[in-house]
C-alpha atoms as a PDB file:
ATOM      1  CA  UNK A   1       0.049  -0.090  -0.354  1.00  0.00           C
ATOM      2  CA  UNK A   2       1.392   3.549  -0.741  1.00  0.00           C
ATOM      3  CA  UNK A   3       0.305   6.809   0.478  1.00  0.00           C
ATOM      4  CA  UNK A   4       1.245  10.110  -0.575  1.00  0.00           C
ATOM      5  CA  UNK A   5       0.481  13.087   1.820  1.00  0.00           C
ATOM      6  CA  UNK A   6       1.787  16.676   0.744  1.00  0.00           C
ATOM      7  CA  UNK A   7       1.236  19.842   1.657  1.00  0.00           C
ATOM      8  CA  UNK A   8       2.421  22.782   4.632  1.00  0.00           C
ATOM      9  CA  UNK A   9      -0.193  21.834   7.222  1.00  0.00           C
ATOM     10  CA  UNK A  10       1.700  19.389   8.927  1.00  0.00           C
ATOM     11  CA  UNK A  11      -0.757  19.292  11.745  1.00  0.00           C
ATOM     12  CA  UNK A  12      -3.074  17.374   9.523  1.00  0.00           C
ATOM     13  CA  UNK A  13      -0.152  15.425   7.678  1.00  0.00           C
ATOM     14  CA  UNK A  14       0.603  14.165  11.269  1.00  0.00           C
ATOM     15  CA  UNK A  15      -3.146  13.224  11.882  1.00  0.00           C
ATOM     16  CA  UNK A  16      -3.810  11.498   8.630  1.00  0.00           C
ATOM     17  CA  UNK A  17      -0.645   9.806   9.547  1.00  0.00           C
ATOM     18  CA  UNK A  18      -1.902   8.442  12.718  1.00  0.00           C
ATOM     19  CA  UNK A  19      -5.228   7.441  10.890  1.00  0.00           C
ATOM     20  CA  UNK A  20      -2.962   5.520   8.726  1.00  0.00           C
ATOM     21  CA  UNK A  21      -1.079   3.565  11.575  1.00  0.00           C
ATOM     22  CA  UNK A  22      -4.545   2.882  13.402  1.00  0.00           C
ATOM     23  CA  UNK A  23      -5.696   0.899  10.256  1.00  0.00           C
ATOM     24  CA  UNK A  24      -2.440  -1.012  10.089  1.00  0.00           C
ATOM     25  CA  UNK A  25      -3.281  -2.875  13.151  1.00  0.00           C
ATOM     26  CA  UNK A  26      -1.717  -3.231  16.875  1.00  0.00           C
ATOM     27  CA  UNK A  27       0.173  -0.155  17.924  1.00  0.00           C
ATOM     28  CA  UNK A  28       2.709  -1.859  20.192  1.00  0.00           C
ATOM     29  CA  UNK A  29       3.996  -4.265  17.511  1.00  0.00           C
ATOM     30  CA  UNK A  30       4.209  -1.469  14.800  1.00  0.00           C
ATOM     31  CA  UNK A  31       6.242   0.579  16.721  1.00  0.00           C
ATOM     32  CA  UNK A  32       9.168  -1.951  15.830  1.00  0.00           C
ATOM     33  CA  UNK A  33       8.105  -2.549  12.499  1.00  0.00           C
ATOM     34  CA  UNK A  34       8.241   1.397  11.573  1.00  0.00           C
ATOM     35  CA  UNK A  35      11.148   2.932   9.388  1.00  0.00           C
ATOM     36  CA  UNK A  36      11.688   6.739   9.247  1.00  0.00           C
ATOM     37  CA  UNK A  37      13.952   7.684   6.179  1.00  0.00           C
ATOM     38  CA  UNK A  38      15.458  10.714   4.535  1.00  0.00           C
ATOM     39  CA  UNK A  39      13.898  10.682   1.015  1.00  0.00           C
ATOM     40  CA  UNK A  40      16.914  13.407   0.060  1.00  0.00           C
ATOM     41  CA  UNK A  41      19.773  10.952   1.079  1.00  0.00           C
ATOM     42  CA  UNK A  42      18.486   7.346   0.737  1.00  0.00           C
ATOM     43  CA  UNK A  43      19.673   5.053  -2.114  1.00  0.00           C
ATOM     44  CA  UNK A  44      16.938   3.119  -3.867  1.00  0.00           C
ATOM     45  CA  UNK A  45      18.496  -0.144  -2.726  1.00  0.00           C
ATOM     46  CA  UNK A  46      18.120   1.116   0.611  1.00  0.00           C
ATOM     47  CA  UNK A  47      14.962   1.535  -0.047  1.00  0.00           C
ATOM     48  CA  UNK A  48      14.367  -1.645  -1.595  1.00  0.00           C
ATOM     49  CA  UNK A  49      15.846  -3.364   1.359  1.00  0.00           C
ATOM     50  CA  UNK A  50      13.777  -2.262   4.013  1.00  0.00           C
ATOM     51  CA  UNK A  51      10.300  -2.395   1.926  1.00  0.00           C
ATOM     52  CA  UNK A  52      11.351  -5.989   1.573  1.00  0.00           C
ATOM     53  CA  UNK A  53      12.274  -6.235   5.097  1.00  0.00           C
ATOM     54  CA  UNK A  54       9.404  -8.945   6.385  1.00  0.00           C
ATOM     55  CA  UNK A  55       7.844  -7.451   9.472  1.00  0.00           C
ATOM     56  CA  UNK A  56       8.709  -8.758  13.088  1.00  0.00           C
ATOM     57  CA  UNK A  57       5.579 -10.467  14.453  1.00  0.00           C
ATOM     58  CA  UNK A  58       2.975  -8.568  12.693  1.00  0.00           C
ATOM     59  CA  UNK A  59       1.118  -8.587   9.353  1.00  0.00           C
ATOM     60  CA  UNK A  60       2.771  -5.120   8.147  1.00  0.00           C
ATOM     61  CA  UNK A  61       5.769  -3.012   7.835  1.00  0.00           C
ATOM     62  CA  UNK A  62       5.186   0.916   7.922  1.00  0.00           C
ATOM     63  CA  UNK A  63       8.304   2.772   6.137  1.00  0.00           C
ATOM     64  CA  UNK A  64       7.740   6.673   6.273  1.00  0.00           C
ATOM     65  CA  UNK A  65      10.190   8.871   4.019  1.00  0.00           C
ATOM     66  CA  UNK A  66      10.316  12.190   3.956  1.00  0.00           C
ATOM     67  CA  UNK A  67      10.994  14.217   1.151  1.00  0.00           C
ATOM     68  CA  UNK A  68      11.578  11.586  -1.700  1.00  0.00           C
ATOM     69  CA  UNK A  69       9.354  13.313  -4.337  1.00  0.00           C
ATOM     70  CA  UNK A  70      10.911  16.627  -3.815  1.00  0.00           C
ATOM     71  CA  UNK A  71      13.907  15.102  -4.286  1.00  0.00           C
ATOM     72  CA  UNK A  72      13.067  14.926  -7.916  1.00  0.00           C
ATOM     73  CA  UNK A  73      11.039  17.622  -8.825  1.00  0.00           C
ATOM     74  CA  UNK A  74      11.443  19.550 -12.187  1.00  0.00           C
ATOM     75  CA  UNK A  75      14.211  22.321 -11.627  1.00  0.00           C
ATOM     76  CA  UNK A  76      13.773  25.409 -14.292  1.00  0.00           C
ATOM     77  CA  UNK A  77      16.402  27.773 -14.937  1.00  0.00           C
ATOM     78  CA  UNK A  78      16.735  30.983 -17.052  1.00  0.00           C
ATOM     79  CA  UNK A  79      19.891  32.271 -18.879  1.00  0.00           C
ATOM     80  CA  UNK A  80      21.581  35.598 -18.021  1.00  0.00           C
ATOM     81  CA  UNK A  81      20.262  36.751 -21.614  1.00  0.00           C
ATOM     82  CA  UNK A  82      17.056  38.807 -21.334  1.00  0.00           C
ATOM     83  CA  UNK A  83      15.849  37.028 -24.527  1.00  0.00           C
ATOM     84  CA  UNK A  84      16.384  33.012 -23.361  1.00  0.00           C
ATOM     85  CA  UNK A  85      13.641  31.574 -22.316  1.00  0.00           C
ATOM     86  CA  UNK A  86      13.102  29.175 -19.042  1.00  0.00           C
ATOM     87  CA  UNK A  87      14.596  25.757 -19.559  1.00  0.00           C
ATOM     88  CA  UNK A  88      13.324  23.085 -17.529  1.00  0.00           C
ATOM     89  CA  UNK A  89      15.947  20.415 -16.214  1.00  0.00           C
ATOM     90  CA  UNK A  90      14.977  16.775 -16.044  1.00  0.00           C
ATOM     91  CA  UNK A  91      16.257  15.166 -12.882  1.00  0.00           C
ATOM     92  CA  UNK A  92      17.566  11.845 -13.157  1.00  0.00           C
ATOM     93  CA  UNK A  93      17.697   8.657 -11.401  1.00  0.00           C
ATOM     94  CA  UNK A  94      13.884   8.667 -10.400  1.00  0.00           C
ATOM     95  CA  UNK A  95      12.939   5.538 -12.608  1.00  0.00           C
ATOM     96  CA  UNK A  96      14.992   3.035 -10.360  1.00  0.00           C
ATOM     97  CA  UNK A  97      12.492   4.119  -7.299  1.00  0.00           C
ATOM     98  CA  UNK A  98       9.953   4.124  -9.528  1.00  0.00           C
ATOM     99  CA  UNK A  99      10.378   0.358 -10.088  1.00  0.00           C
ATOM    100  CA  UNK A 100      11.310   0.107  -6.204  1.00  0.00           C
ATOM    101  CA  UNK A 101       7.800   1.380  -5.462  1.00  0.00           C
ATOM    102  CA  UNK A 102       6.014  -0.553  -7.967  1.00  0.00           C
ATOM    103  CA  UNK A 103       6.524  -3.505  -6.611  1.00  0.00           C
ATOM    104  CA  UNK A 104       5.932  -3.258  -3.011  1.00  0.00           C
ATOM    105  CA  UNK A 105       5.237  -6.291  -0.708  1.00  0.00           C
ATOM    106  CA  UNK A 106       1.542  -6.748   0.547  1.00  0.00           C
ATOM    107  CA  UNK A 107       3.345  -6.619   3.621  1.00  0.00           C
ATOM    108  CA  UNK A 108       4.821  -3.161   3.305  1.00  0.00           C
ATOM    109  CA  UNK A 109       2.517   0.183   3.852  1.00  0.00           C
ATOM    110  CA  UNK A 110       5.309   2.936   2.100  1.00  0.00           C
ATOM    111  CA  UNK A 111       4.289   6.428   3.396  1.00  0.00           C
ATOM    112  CA  UNK A 112       5.751   9.796   1.404  1.00  0.00           C
ATOM    113  CA  UNK A 113       5.653  12.889   3.151  1.00  0.00           C
ATOM    114  CA  UNK A 114       5.962  15.585   1.161  1.00  0.00           C
ATOM    115  CA  UNK A 115       5.942  19.435   1.610  1.00  0.00           C
ATOM    116  CA  UNK A 116       5.252  20.811  -2.225  1.00  0.00           C
ATOM    117  CA  UNK A 117       4.886  18.633  -5.456  1.00  0.00           C
ATOM    118  CA  UNK A 118       3.961  19.317  -9.259  1.00  0.00           C
ATOM    119  CA  UNK A 119       2.135  17.471 -11.713  1.00  0.00           C
ATOM    120  CA  UNK A 120       5.211  17.409 -13.625  1.00  0.00           C
ATOM    121  CA  UNK A 121       7.307  15.950 -11.272  1.00  0.00           C
ATOM    122  CA  UNK A 122       8.593  12.284 -13.070  1.00  0.00           C
ATOM    123  CA  UNK A 123       8.576  10.131  -9.748  1.00  0.00           C
ATOM    124  CA  UNK A 124       5.229  11.229  -9.007  1.00  0.00           C
ATOM    125  CA  UNK A 125       3.968  10.221 -12.885  1.00  0.00           C
ATOM    126  CA  UNK A 126       5.690   6.949 -12.155  1.00  0.00           C
ATOM    127  CA  UNK A 127       3.725   5.768  -8.976  1.00  0.00           C
ATOM    128  CA  UNK A 128       0.684   8.124  -8.820  1.00  0.00           C
ATOM    129  CA  UNK A 129      -1.829   5.703  -9.913  1.00  0.00           C
ATOM    130  CA  UNK A 130      -0.950   2.926  -7.224  1.00  0.00           C
ATOM    131  CA  UNK A 131      -1.264   5.628  -4.770  1.00  0.00           C
ATOM    132  CA  UNK A 132      -3.281   6.984  -2.657  1.00  0.00           C
ATOM    133  CA  UNK A 133      -2.697  10.621  -2.379  1.00  0.00           C
ATOM    134  CA  UNK A 134      -4.197  13.628  -0.416  1.00  0.00           C
ATOM    135  CA  UNK A 135      -3.233  17.207   0.023  1.00  0.00           C
ATOM    136  CA  UNK A 136      -3.090  19.347   2.733  1.00  0.00           C
ATOM    137  CA  UNK A 137      -2.590  22.970   1.981  1.00  0.00           C
ATOM    138  CA  UNK A 138      -2.610  25.782   4.736  1.00  0.00           C
ATOM    139  CA  UNK A 139      -6.004  26.650   5.561  1.00  0.00           C
ATOM    140  CA  UNK A 140      -7.473  29.896   4.358  1.00  0.00           C
ATOM    141  CA  UNK A 141      -9.573  32.230   6.848  1.00  0.00           C
ATOM    142  CA  UNK A 142     -13.207  30.094   6.200  1.00  0.00           C
ATOM    143  CA  UNK A 143     -12.067  26.969   6.399  1.00  0.00           C
ATOM    144  CA  UNK A 144     -10.084  27.712   9.303  1.00  0.00           C
ATOM    145  CA  UNK A 145     -12.976  29.038  11.206  1.00  0.00           C
ATOM    146  CA  UNK A 146     -14.858  25.955  10.523  1.00  0.00           C
ATOM    147  CA  UNK A 147     -12.164  24.305  11.395  1.00  0.00           C
ATOM    148  CA  UNK A 148     -11.729  25.927  14.909  1.00  0.00           C
ATOM    149  CA  UNK A 149     -15.462  25.319  15.582  1.00  0.00           C
ATOM    150  CA  UNK A 150     -15.480  21.782  14.782  1.00  0.00           C
ATOM    151  CA  UNK A 151     -12.484  21.072  16.733  1.00  0.00           C
ATOM    152  CA  UNK A 152     -14.226  22.842  20.188  1.00  0.00           C
ATOM    153  CA  UNK A 153     -17.179  20.984  19.319  1.00  0.00           C
ATOM    154  CA  UNK A 154     -15.608  17.536  19.250  1.00  0.00           C
ATOM    155  CA  UNK A 155     -13.963  18.602  22.478  1.00  0.00           C
ATOM    156  CA  UNK A 156     -17.210  19.411  24.295  1.00  0.00           C
ATOM    157  CA  UNK A 157     -16.980  22.822  24.035  1.00  0.00           C
ATOM    158  CA  UNK A 158     -18.546  25.817  22.217  1.00  0.00           C
ATOM    159  CA  UNK A 159     -16.982  29.273  21.103  1.00  0.00           C
ATOM    160  CA  UNK A 160     -18.175  32.378  19.573  1.00  0.00           C
ATOM    161  CA  UNK A 161     -18.028  33.847  16.312  1.00  0.00           C
ATOM    162  CA  UNK A 162     -15.863  36.840  17.776  1.00  0.00           C
ATOM    163  CA  UNK A 163     -13.517  34.772  19.534  1.00  0.00           C
ATOM    164  CA  UNK A 164     -13.082  32.446  16.500  1.00  0.00           C
ATOM    165  CA  UNK A 165     -11.972  35.790  14.244  1.00  0.00           C
ATOM    166  CA  UNK A 166      -9.667  37.075  16.766  1.00  0.00           C
ATOM    167  CA  UNK A 167      -8.200  33.637  17.584  1.00  0.00           C
ATOM    168  CA  UNK A 168      -7.307  33.640  13.711  1.00  0.00           C
ATOM    169  CA  UNK A 169      -6.003  37.024  13.602  1.00  0.00           C
ATOM    170  CA  UNK A 170      -3.367  36.232  16.280  1.00  0.00           C
ATOM    171  CA  UNK A 171      -2.322  33.134  15.564  1.00  0.00           C
ATOM    172  CA  UNK A 172      -3.016  32.417  11.749  1.00  0.00           C
ATOM    173  CA  UNK A 173      -3.254  28.925  10.093  1.00  0.00           C
ATOM    174  CA  UNK A 174      -0.691  26.999  12.410  1.00  0.00           C
ATOM    175  CA  UNK A 175      -2.997  24.390  13.816  1.00  0.00           C
ATOM    176  CA  UNK A 176      -0.386  23.145  15.780  1.00  0.00           C
ATOM    177  CA  UNK A 177      -0.948  26.310  17.813  1.00  0.00           C
ATOM    178  CA  UNK A 178      -4.245  26.871  17.280  1.00  0.00           C
ATOM    179  CA  UNK A 179      -5.079  23.538  18.810  1.00  0.00           C
ATOM    180  CA  UNK A 180      -2.769  23.606  21.894  1.00  0.00           C
ATOM    181  CA  UNK A 181      -4.703  27.228  22.739  1.00  0.00           C
ATOM    182  CA  UNK A 182      -8.230  25.812  22.200  1.00  0.00           C
ATOM    183  CA  UNK A 183      -6.913  23.320  24.928  1.00  0.00           C
ATOM    184  CA  UNK A 184      -6.400  25.714  27.604  1.00  0.00           C
ATOM    185  CA  UNK A 185      -9.405  28.085  26.254  1.00  0.00           C
ATOM    186  CA  UNK A 186     -11.888  25.055  26.959  1.00  0.00           C
ATOM    187  CA  UNK A 187     -10.645  24.060  30.344  1.00  0.00           C
ATOM    188  CA  UNK A 188     -10.635  28.184  31.154  1.00  0.00           C
ATOM    189  CA  UNK A 189     -14.160  28.601  29.815  1.00  0.00           C
ATOM    190  CA  UNK A 190     -15.130  25.457  31.899  1.00  0.00           C
ATOM    191  CA  UNK A 191     -18.873  24.752  30.743  1.00  0.00           C
ATOM    192  CA  UNK A 192     -19.593  28.659  29.133  1.00  0.00           C
ATOM    193  CA  UNK A 193     -18.913  29.360  25.525  1.00  0.00           C
ATOM    194  CA  UNK A 194     -15.276  30.728  24.636  1.00  0.00           C
ATOM    195  CA  UNK A 195     -15.879  34.634  24.466  1.00  0.00           C
ATOM    196  CA  UNK A 196     -13.195  37.085  22.925  1.00  0.00           C
ATOM    197  CA  UNK A 197     -12.143  37.982  26.426  1.00  0.00           C
ATOM    198  CA  UNK A 198     -10.819  34.664  26.882  1.00  0.00           C
ATOM    199  CA  UNK A 199      -8.816  34.311  23.826  1.00  0.00           C
ATOM    200  CA  UNK A 200      -7.457  37.825  24.691  1.00  0.00           C
ATOM    201  CA  UNK A 201      -6.218  36.873  28.245  1.00  0.00           C
ATOM    202  CA  UNK A 202      -4.987  33.118  27.189  1.00  0.00           C
ATOM    203  CA  UNK A 203      -3.730  33.378  24.098  1.00  0.00           C
ATOM    204  CA  UNK A 204       0.058  34.532  23.449  1.00  0.00           C
ATOM    205  CA  UNK A 205       2.855  33.725  21.179  1.00  0.00           C
ATOM    206  CA  UNK A 206       4.633  32.482  24.264  1.00  0.00           C
ATOM    207  CA  UNK A 207       5.496  29.049  23.117  1.00  0.00           C
ATOM    208  CA  UNK A 208       6.172  29.833  19.532  1.00  0.00           C
ATOM    209  CA  UNK A 209       8.693  32.754  20.721  1.00  0.00           C
ATOM    210  CA  UNK A 210      10.250  29.932  22.715  1.00  0.00           C
ATOM    211  CA  UNK A 211      10.193  27.548  19.715  1.00  0.00           C
ATOM    212  CA  UNK A 212      12.340  30.153  18.136  1.00  0.00           C
ATOM    213  CA  UNK A 213      14.427  30.782  20.882  1.00  0.00           C
ATOM    214  CA  UNK A 214      14.950  26.804  21.107  1.00  0.00           C
ATOM    215  CA  UNK A 215      16.033  26.744  17.360  1.00  0.00           C
ATOM    216  CA  UNK A 216      18.372  29.989  17.773  1.00  0.00           C
ATOM    217  CA  UNK A 217      20.084  27.928  21.008  1.00  0.00           C
ATOM    218  CA  UNK A 218      20.799  24.721  18.990  1.00  0.00           C
ATOM    219  CA  UNK A 219      21.639  26.906  15.784  1.00  0.00           C
ATOM    220  CA  UNK A 220      24.856  28.563  18.115  1.00  0.00           C
ATOM    221  CA  UNK A 221      25.746  25.036  20.000  1.00  0.00           C
ATOM    222  CA  UNK A 222      23.936  26.448  23.292  1.00  0.00           C
ATOM    223  CA  UNK A 223      23.425  23.065  25.167  1.00  0.00           C
ATOM    224  CA  UNK A 224      22.340  24.810  28.772  1.00  0.00           C
ATOM    225  CA  UNK A 225      20.022  27.589  26.794  1.00  0.00           C
ATOM    226  CA  UNK A 226      18.242  24.605  24.610  1.00  0.00           C
ATOM    227  CA  UNK A 227      17.822  22.208  27.644  1.00  0.00           C
ATOM    228  CA  UNK A 228      16.312  25.225  29.859  1.00  0.00           C
ATOM    229  CA  UNK A 229      13.897  26.201  26.916  1.00  0.00           C
ATOM    230  CA  UNK A 230      12.955  22.777  26.641  1.00  0.00           C
ATOM    231  CA  UNK A 231      11.789  22.492  30.418  1.00  0.00           C
ATOM    232  CA  UNK A 232      10.458  25.929  30.153  1.00  0.00           C
ATOM    233  CA  UNK A 233       8.075  24.906  27.660  1.00  0.00           C
ATOM    234  CA  UNK A 234       7.266  21.520  28.801  1.00  0.00           C
ATOM    235  CA  UNK A 235       6.375  23.101  32.002  1.00  0.00           C
ATOM    236  CA  UNK A 236       3.967  25.211  30.116  1.00  0.00           C
ATOM    237  CA  UNK A 237       2.325  22.155  28.849  1.00  0.00           C
ATOM    238  CA  UNK A 238       3.994  21.423  25.658  1.00  0.00           C
ATOM    239  CA  UNK A 239       3.850  18.037  24.666  1.00  0.00           C
ATOM    240  CA  UNK A 240       7.052  16.447  23.177  1.00  0.00           C
ATOM    241  CA  UNK A 241       4.830  15.195  20.206  1.00  0.00           C
ATOM    242  CA  UNK A 242       4.110  19.017  19.939  1.00  0.00           C
ATOM    243  CA  UNK A 243       7.582  20.227  20.407  1.00  0.00           C
ATOM    244  CA  UNK A 244       9.181  17.760  17.763  1.00  0.00           C
ATOM    245  CA  UNK A 245       6.589  18.980  15.364  1.00  0.00           C
ATOM    246  CA  UNK A 246       7.084  22.541  15.717  1.00  0.00           C
ATOM    247  CA  UNK A 247      11.055  21.755  15.566  1.00  0.00           C
ATOM    248  CA  UNK A 248      10.286  20.025  12.407  1.00  0.00           C
ATOM    249  CA  UNK A 249       7.992  22.757  11.304  1.00  0.00           C
ATOM    250  CA  UNK A 250      10.580  25.460  11.327  1.00  0.00           C
ATOM    251  CA  UNK A 251      13.450  23.568  10.020  1.00  0.00           C
ATOM    252  CA  UNK A 252      10.709  23.194   6.629  1.00  0.00           C
ATOM    253  CA  UNK A 253      10.186  26.430   6.884  1.00  0.00           C
ATOM    254  CA  UNK A 254      13.956  27.520   6.929  1.00  0.00           C
ATOM    255  CA  UNK A 255      14.209  25.318   3.775  1.00  0.00           C
ATOM    256  CA  UNK A 256      11.295  27.473   2.175  1.00  0.00           C
ATOM    257  CA  UNK A 257      12.711  30.572   3.096  1.00  0.00           C
ATOM    258  CA  UNK A 258      15.777  29.927   1.945  1.00  0.00           C
ATOM    259  CA  UNK A 259      14.786  28.804  -1.752  1.00  0.00           C
ATOM    260  CA  UNK A 260      12.052  31.552  -2.024  1.00  0.00           C
ATOM    261  CA  UNK A 261      15.118  34.468  -0.810  1.00  0.00           C
ATOM    262  CA  UNK A 262      17.259  32.826  -3.763  1.00  0.00           C
ATOM    263  CA  UNK A 263      14.361  33.175  -6.170  1.00  0.00           C
ATOM    264  CA  UNK A 264      14.776  37.087  -5.387  1.00  0.00           C
ATOM    265  CA  UNK A 265      11.326  37.472  -3.704  1.00  0.00           C
ATOM    266  CA  UNK A 266      10.656  40.100  -0.727  1.00  0.00           C
ATOM    267  CA  UNK A 267       9.327  39.653   2.611  1.00  0.00           C
ATOM    268  CA  UNK A 268       5.956  40.355   1.716  1.00  0.00           C
ATOM    269  CA  UNK A 269       5.932  37.606  -1.148  1.00  0.00           C
ATOM    270  CA  UNK A 270       7.865  35.304   1.104  1.00  0.00           C
ATOM    271  CA  UNK A 271       4.858  35.535   3.793  1.00  0.00           C
ATOM    272  CA  UNK A 272       2.208  35.181   0.834  1.00  0.00           C
ATOM    273  CA  UNK A 273       3.875  32.084  -0.564  1.00  0.00           C
ATOM    274  CA  UNK A 274       4.418  30.200   2.930  1.00  0.00           C
ATOM    275  CA  UNK A 275       0.399  31.208   3.822  1.00  0.00           C
ATOM    276  CA  UNK A 276       1.919  32.475   7.379  1.00  0.00           C
ATOM    277  CA  UNK A 277      -0.329  35.110   9.243  1.00  0.00           C
ATOM    278  CA  UNK A 278       2.609  36.422  11.219  1.00  0.00           C
ATOM    279  CA  UNK A 279       4.743  39.059   9.873  1.00  0.00           C
ATOM    280  CA  UNK A 280       6.997  38.116  13.082  1.00  0.00           C
ATOM    281  CA  UNK A 281       7.372  34.547  11.841  1.00  0.00           C
ATOM    282  CA  UNK A 282       8.317  35.174   8.634  1.00  0.00           C
ATOM    283  CA  UNK A 283      11.388  38.197   9.502  1.00  0.00           C
ATOM    284  CA  UNK A 284      12.501  35.127  12.399  1.00  0.00           C
ATOM    285  CA  UNK A 285      12.395  32.308   9.833  1.00  0.00           C
ATOM    286  CA  UNK A 286      14.523  34.556   7.330  1.00  0.00           C
ATOM    287  CA  UNK A 287      16.838  35.852   9.964  1.00  0.00           C
ATOM    288  CA  UNK A 288      17.597  32.108  10.913  1.00  0.00           C
ATOM    289  CA  UNK A 289      17.709  30.891   6.954  1.00  0.00           C
ATOM    290  CA  UNK A 290      20.511  33.144   6.449  1.00  0.00           C
ATOM    291  CA  UNK A 291      22.359  31.654   9.306  1.00  0.00           C
ATOM    292  CA  UNK A 292      21.838  28.057   8.574  1.00  0.00           C
ATOM    293  CA  UNK A 293      23.461  26.061   5.990  1.00  0.00           C
ATOM    294  CA  UNK A 294      22.125  22.982   3.583  1.00  0.00           C
ATOM    295  CA  UNK A 295      24.553  20.535   5.376  1.00  0.00           C
ATOM    296  CA  UNK A 296      23.248  21.640   8.966  1.00  0.00           C
ATOM    297  CA  UNK A 297      19.610  21.184   8.268  1.00  0.00           C
ATOM    298  CA  UNK A 298      19.961  17.485   7.146  1.00  0.00           C
ATOM    299  CA  UNK A 299      21.887  17.155  10.234  1.00  0.00           C
ATOM    300  CA  UNK A 300      18.867  18.249  12.530  1.00  0.00           C
ATOM    301  CA  UNK A 301      16.470  16.759  10.111  1.00  0.00           C
ATOM    302  CA  UNK A 302      18.300  13.371  10.719  1.00  0.00           C
ATOM    303  CA  UNK A 303      18.279  13.837  14.258  1.00  0.00           C
ATOM    304  CA  UNK A 304      14.537  14.882  14.463  1.00  0.00           C
ATOM    305  CA  UNK A 305      13.848  11.429  12.628  1.00  0.00           C
ATOM    306  CA  UNK A 306      15.624   9.638  15.033  1.00  0.00           C
ATOM    307  CA  UNK A 307      14.198  11.246  17.820  1.00  0.00           C
ATOM    308  CA  UNK A 308      10.764  10.694  16.514  1.00  0.00           C
ATOM    309  CA  UNK A 309      11.462   7.204  15.992  1.00  0.00           C
ATOM    310  CA  UNK A 310      13.196   6.648  19.737  1.00  0.00           C
ATOM    311  CA  UNK A 311       9.689   8.084  21.210  1.00  0.00           C
ATOM    312  CA  UNK A 312       7.470   6.268  18.780  1.00  0.00           C
ATOM    313  CA  UNK A 313       9.553   2.555  19.306  1.00  0.00           C
ATOM    314  CA  UNK A 314       9.295   3.725  23.516  1.00  0.00           C
ATOM    315  CA  UNK A 315      13.349   3.458  23.469  1.00  0.00           C
ATOM    316  CA  UNK A 316      12.946   6.797  25.145  1.00  0.00           C
ATOM    317  CA  UNK A 317       9.885   8.794  26.685  1.00  0.00           C
ATOM    318  CA  UNK A 318       9.426  11.920  24.995  1.00  0.00           C
ATOM    319  CA  UNK A 319      11.103  14.549  27.589  1.00  0.00           C
ATOM    320  CA  UNK A 320      14.471  12.438  27.861  1.00  0.00           C
ATOM    321  CA  UNK A 321      14.584  11.909  24.021  1.00  0.00           C
ATOM    322  CA  UNK A 322      14.211  15.676  23.472  1.00  0.00           C
ATOM    323  CA  UNK A 323      16.560  16.276  26.172  1.00  0.00           C
ATOM    324  CA  UNK A 324      18.988  13.991  24.350  1.00  0.00           C
ATOM    325  CA  UNK A 325      18.502  15.627  21.181  1.00  0.00           C
ATOM    326  CA  UNK A 326      19.173  19.022  21.975  1.00  0.00           C
ATOM    327  CA  UNK A 327      22.361  17.790  23.818  1.00  0.00           C
ATOM    328  CA  UNK A 328      23.659  15.929  20.625  1.00  0.00           C
ATOM    329  CA  UNK A 329      22.820  18.779  18.501  1.00  0.00           C
ATOM    330  CA  UNK A 330      24.867  21.033  20.513  1.00  0.00           C
ATOM    331  CA  UNK A 331      27.900  19.269  20.528  1.00  0.00           C
ATOM    332  CA  UNK A 332      28.169  18.707  16.838  1.00  0.00           C
ATOM    333  CA  UNK A 333      30.921  20.658  14.980  1.00  0.00           C
ATOM    334  CA  UNK A 334      29.373  23.599  13.230  1.00  0.00           C
ATOM    335  CA  UNK A 335      29.073  23.267   9.580  1.00  0.00           C
ATOM    336  CA  UNK A 336      29.717  25.944   7.698  1.00  0.00           C
ATOM    337  CA  UNK A 337      29.481  24.632   3.964  1.00  0.00           C
ATOM    338  CA  UNK A 338      26.780  25.674   1.699  1.00  0.00           C
END
């Protein structure tokens, strides 16, 4: 079985991935039969070996690959000549991955998680007919308001339209933050509806700002600051899953901002392309993107994947896994190559 989950709404992608896991079977056995791979680095032989490995005491093996399709995106370049037209450069090496995926054994569930993919992607064309593909773009204001109302109702609460509008203006389309804030608001309002004054009282950018600070501390190899920020966020009620997702999201934003900046886009244009409501988020991400090299980003990505697997397999509990993550990232020698 092949799934393709794409888009900037990583909250909904994470929920969809959890639904896929629930449909596979026993969650305890699945943790020992789950592989998480970096699609930007893995070879076709490595992917084939993992996918063809028989599951251990289970009917299925789950293989999650991040960024494999994006690796084979068609790139357009323009000559310096003003009269020259854009030329599309077809990637090479995708066929072997396509053949590998086409021959997935019945015991393997392969999930490709992508940020942005286009119909011109040659690997996508090869495998699309065999895939259950779903796209998760960032929600626009009307859909976001509906999502908030549904989320609150599912948790047994209610919320006024004015409170919904204010929450959308303050937080934007980040469902991780909105979900976290709604949980606090539902408890705070108790049996009455959540009102605009409640949002003004309870909602802040404390956690989001701290996550930026955490990324800064990791980038600067400041282990003490990173560990202190982790403890503060956990004490504020942030879960290990939420923090790991936020770190992963921030790294994805940094990669996208680097790419958009190289294309010559201005800050407002970048904000529009990212679908981010907050100007602060864009400015801070631009600042971090200017200081993160691609090798360093790849290092962090790999550590995030390994930490996620360590938590899901029960090797470490969430808090311990995040502290180990911070310590390991802060101890690595700086990488300066672009």
